[in-house]
Structure formats: structure tokens, C-alpha cells
Amino acid sequence: MAKEVVRKIKLQIPAGKATPAPPVGTVLGPAGINLQEFCTKYNDATKDKIGDILPVEISIYDDRSFTFVVKTPPTSFLLKKYAKINKGSVKGANEIVGKLTAAQIREIAEIKLPDLNCYTVEEAEKIVRGTAKNMGIAIEDDNQ
């Protein structure tokens, strides 16, 4: 008989830097899983992406065991990283705070494709372009 999923928890944790301290400990502690074991497994799985913030979906089973799936970094995080800015525009598309090239947008779309609700890189690019526009990031070489 398959184990029953009791709870699903979603967190965003810096890659390779999970510790039993807050915020990880405060969320996972009441769920009853071994915090140190989770932190060790998460850090091992994400050590090649240190510096990125990665969403993780943790499934907790009735016997207090767990599995987790690491997703791709949030689009906004990737856009800020590529544009070398600390935060997006306060006024949205009305205030330009950074610039990216069409090639950089395509690269971000290729990274995000597995987690987006689309099938082609071109569709993913449209989603990334929309997020960039709302964050106040202009796109050079824009042919749309």
C-alpha cells in the first residue's frame, strides 16, 4: 500500500543554505519531520545552484517521511539577477529600472520552461516578457 500524503508545504529557500533555524524550522518543525535530514538532503540537491533562491515543494507522509521537488528559480529573481538590479519598479511598466536583451529573455525562458504552463520556448518568452514589463525592465532588440 502506498504512503498517504498528509501535508504539502511550499517554501523558497536559498540554494545550499537550508538550516533548521527559521524560516525552515518554524514551518517544518510542527510537521514532525527530521529537520536536519531535510536540510542535508536539500543542500546536497542544490549545491550546484548556490546563490539562487529555489522554490521547493515538500510532501510529508503519514509515517513522517518526506520527499521534495526543487523547482526553477522564480522569474522575478532571474530577471533581477540578469538585469543586475536589486528590485523591480515601484510604478510597474511606467518606470524603467533596468534593461535586458532579447537573448537574455530567451535564456530565462529556457530555464523557466519546465515550470511554466506552456509547451514552447516562444510561449515561455511571452510570459517572461510580461513579467519583465511589469517589473519595469525594458527589453532591447524588441521586435514585438
Protein backbone atom coordinates (compact mmCIF):
# COMPACT_ATOMS: atom_id res chain seq x y z
CA MET A 1 0.00 0.00 0.00
CA ALA A 2 1.26 3.46 -0.94
CA LYS A 3 2.04 6.01 1.74
CA GLU A 4 -0.60 8.68 2.20
CA VAL A 5 0.42 12.32 1.77
CA VAL A 6 -0.63 14.15 4.93
CA ARG A 7 0.61 17.61 4.01
CA LYS A 8 2.28 19.56 1.20
CA ILE A 9 4.43 22.56 2.05
CA LYS A 10 5.93 25.07 -0.38
CA LEU A 11 8.98 27.13 0.60
CA GLN A 12 11.53 29.35 -1.12
CA ILE A 13 14.99 28.67 0.29
CA PRO A 14 18.43 29.87 -0.85
CA ALA A 15 20.20 27.02 -2.65
CA GLY A 16 22.64 25.08 -0.48
CA LYS A 17 21.90 27.18 2.61
CA ALA A 18 18.96 25.47 4.35
CA THR A 19 19.32 25.34 8.14
CA PRO A 20 16.97 24.10 10.89
CA ALA A 21 16.68 27.73 12.05
CA PRO A 22 13.78 29.94 10.91
CA PRO A 23 12.16 30.07 8.39
CA VAL A 24 12.69 26.37 7.60
CA GLY A 25 12.45 25.18 11.21
CA THR A 26 9.32 27.14 12.05
CA VAL A 27 7.45 25.74 9.04
CA LEU A 28 8.69 22.14 9.04
CA GLY A 29 9.07 21.61 12.81
CA PRO A 30 5.32 21.33 13.53
CA ALA A 31 5.00 18.89 10.60
CA GLY A 32 7.13 16.43 12.56
CA ILE A 33 9.85 15.69 10.03
CA ASN A 34 13.56 15.45 10.80
CA LEU A 35 14.81 18.99 10.10
CA GLN A 36 18.49 18.10 9.91
CA GLU A 37 17.79 15.30 7.42
CA PHE A 38 15.74 17.66 5.22
CA CYS A 39 18.40 20.38 5.35
CA THR A 40 21.18 17.92 4.44
CA LYS A 41 19.25 16.44 1.50
CA TYR A 42 18.16 19.88 0.24
CA ASN A 43 21.67 21.33 0.47
CA ASP A 44 23.13 18.31 -1.38
CA ALA A 45 20.50 18.58 -4.12
CA THR A 46 21.04 22.32 -4.63
CA LYS A 47 24.78 22.77 -4.07
CA ASP A 48 25.37 23.43 -7.80
CA LYS A 49 22.97 26.42 -7.77
CA ILE A 50 24.32 28.32 -4.74
CA GLY A 51 23.30 31.97 -4.84
CA ASP A 52 19.84 31.30 -6.30
CA ILE A 53 16.59 31.17 -4.38
CA LEU A 54 14.80 27.94 -5.22
CA PRO A 55 11.18 27.04 -4.54
CA VAL A 56 10.78 23.57 -3.05
CA GLU A 57 7.58 21.53 -2.70
CA ILE A 58 7.75 19.12 0.25
CA SER A 59 5.34 16.18 0.53
CA ILE A 60 5.01 14.85 4.08
CA TYR A 61 3.65 11.32 4.53
CA ASP A 62 1.69 9.74 7.40
CA ASP A 63 4.81 7.95 8.73
CA ARG A 64 6.65 11.34 8.98
CA SER A 65 8.87 10.58 6.00
CA PHE A 66 9.09 13.16 3.22
CA THR A 67 10.04 13.78 -0.38
CA PHE A 68 10.69 17.09 -2.06
CA VAL A 69 10.83 18.54 -5.55
CA VAL A 70 13.08 21.50 -6.29
CA LYS A 71 11.65 23.91 -8.88
CA THR A 72 13.38 26.50 -11.07
CA PRO A 73 14.10 29.95 -9.54
CA PRO A 74 11.23 32.48 -9.66
CA THR A 75 11.06 34.52 -12.87
CA SER A 76 11.37 37.79 -10.96
CA PHE A 77 14.56 36.54 -9.26
CA LEU A 78 16.12 35.58 -12.62
CA LEU A 79 15.13 38.90 -14.21
CA LYS A 80 16.70 40.88 -11.34
CA LYS A 81 19.83 38.71 -11.49
CA TYR A 82 20.29 39.15 -15.27
CA ALA A 83 19.47 42.89 -15.18
CA LYS A 84 21.78 43.35 -12.17
CA ILE A 85 19.18 45.26 -10.14
CA ASN A 86 18.09 44.86 -6.51
CA LYS A 87 14.36 45.30 -7.00
CA GLY A 88 11.77 45.94 -9.65
CA SER A 89 10.00 49.21 -10.34
CA VAL A 90 7.56 50.58 -7.78
CA LYS A 91 5.45 52.04 -10.60
CA GLY A 92 5.46 48.92 -12.79
CA ALA A 93 5.80 49.45 -16.52
CA ASN A 94 5.73 53.26 -16.11
CA GLU A 95 9.24 53.38 -14.63
CA ILE A 96 12.23 51.67 -16.30
CA VAL A 97 14.77 50.35 -13.77
CA GLY A 98 16.83 48.00 -15.96
CA LYS A 99 17.39 46.60 -19.44
CA LEU A 100 17.78 43.11 -20.87
CA THR A 101 18.44 41.85 -24.38
CA ALA A 102 16.11 39.52 -26.26
CA ALA A 103 18.79 36.81 -25.96
CA GLN A 104 18.77 37.13 -22.15
CA ILE A 105 14.96 36.88 -22.12
CA ARG A 106 15.18 33.71 -24.21
CA GLU A 107 17.77 32.26 -21.82
CA ILE A 108 15.50 32.95 -18.83
CA ALA A 109 12.55 31.42 -20.71
CA GLU A 110 14.58 28.25 -21.38
CA ILE A 111 15.43 27.98 -17.68
CA LYS A 112 11.78 28.50 -16.62
CA LEU A 113 10.16 26.31 -19.32
CA PRO A 114 9.77 23.13 -17.18
CA ASP A 115 7.77 25.00 -14.51
CA LEU A 116 5.65 27.22 -16.77
CA ASN A 117 2.22 26.40 -18.12
CA CYS A 118 3.32 26.28 -21.77
CA TYR A 119 4.96 23.96 -24.29
CA THR A 120 7.39 26.02 -26.38
CA VAL A 121 10.21 28.43 -25.61
CA GLU A 122 8.41 31.15 -27.61
CA GLU A 123 5.36 30.88 -25.32
CA ALA A 124 7.63 30.94 -22.26
CA GLU A 125 9.34 34.06 -23.66
CA LYS A 126 5.99 35.86 -23.79
CA ILE A 127 5.39 35.06 -20.11
CA VAL A 128 8.89 36.25 -19.14
CA ARG A 129 8.49 39.42 -21.24
CA GLY A 130 5.23 40.20 -19.45
CA THR A 131 6.86 39.76 -16.05
CA ALA A 132 9.81 41.93 -17.13
CA LYS A 133 7.47 44.68 -18.35
CA ASN A 134 5.56 44.70 -15.05
CA MET A 135 8.85 44.91 -13.13
CA GLY A 136 9.96 47.95 -15.14
CA ILE A 137 12.64 46.13 -17.14
CA ALA A 138 12.98 47.23 -20.77
CA ILE A 139 13.88 44.70 -23.46
CA GLU A 140 16.39 45.81 -26.13
CA ASP A 141 16.22 44.36 -29.66
CA ASP A 142 12.47 44.08 -29.07
CA ASN A 143 10.71 43.19 -32.31
CA GLN A 144 7.23 42.77 -30.87
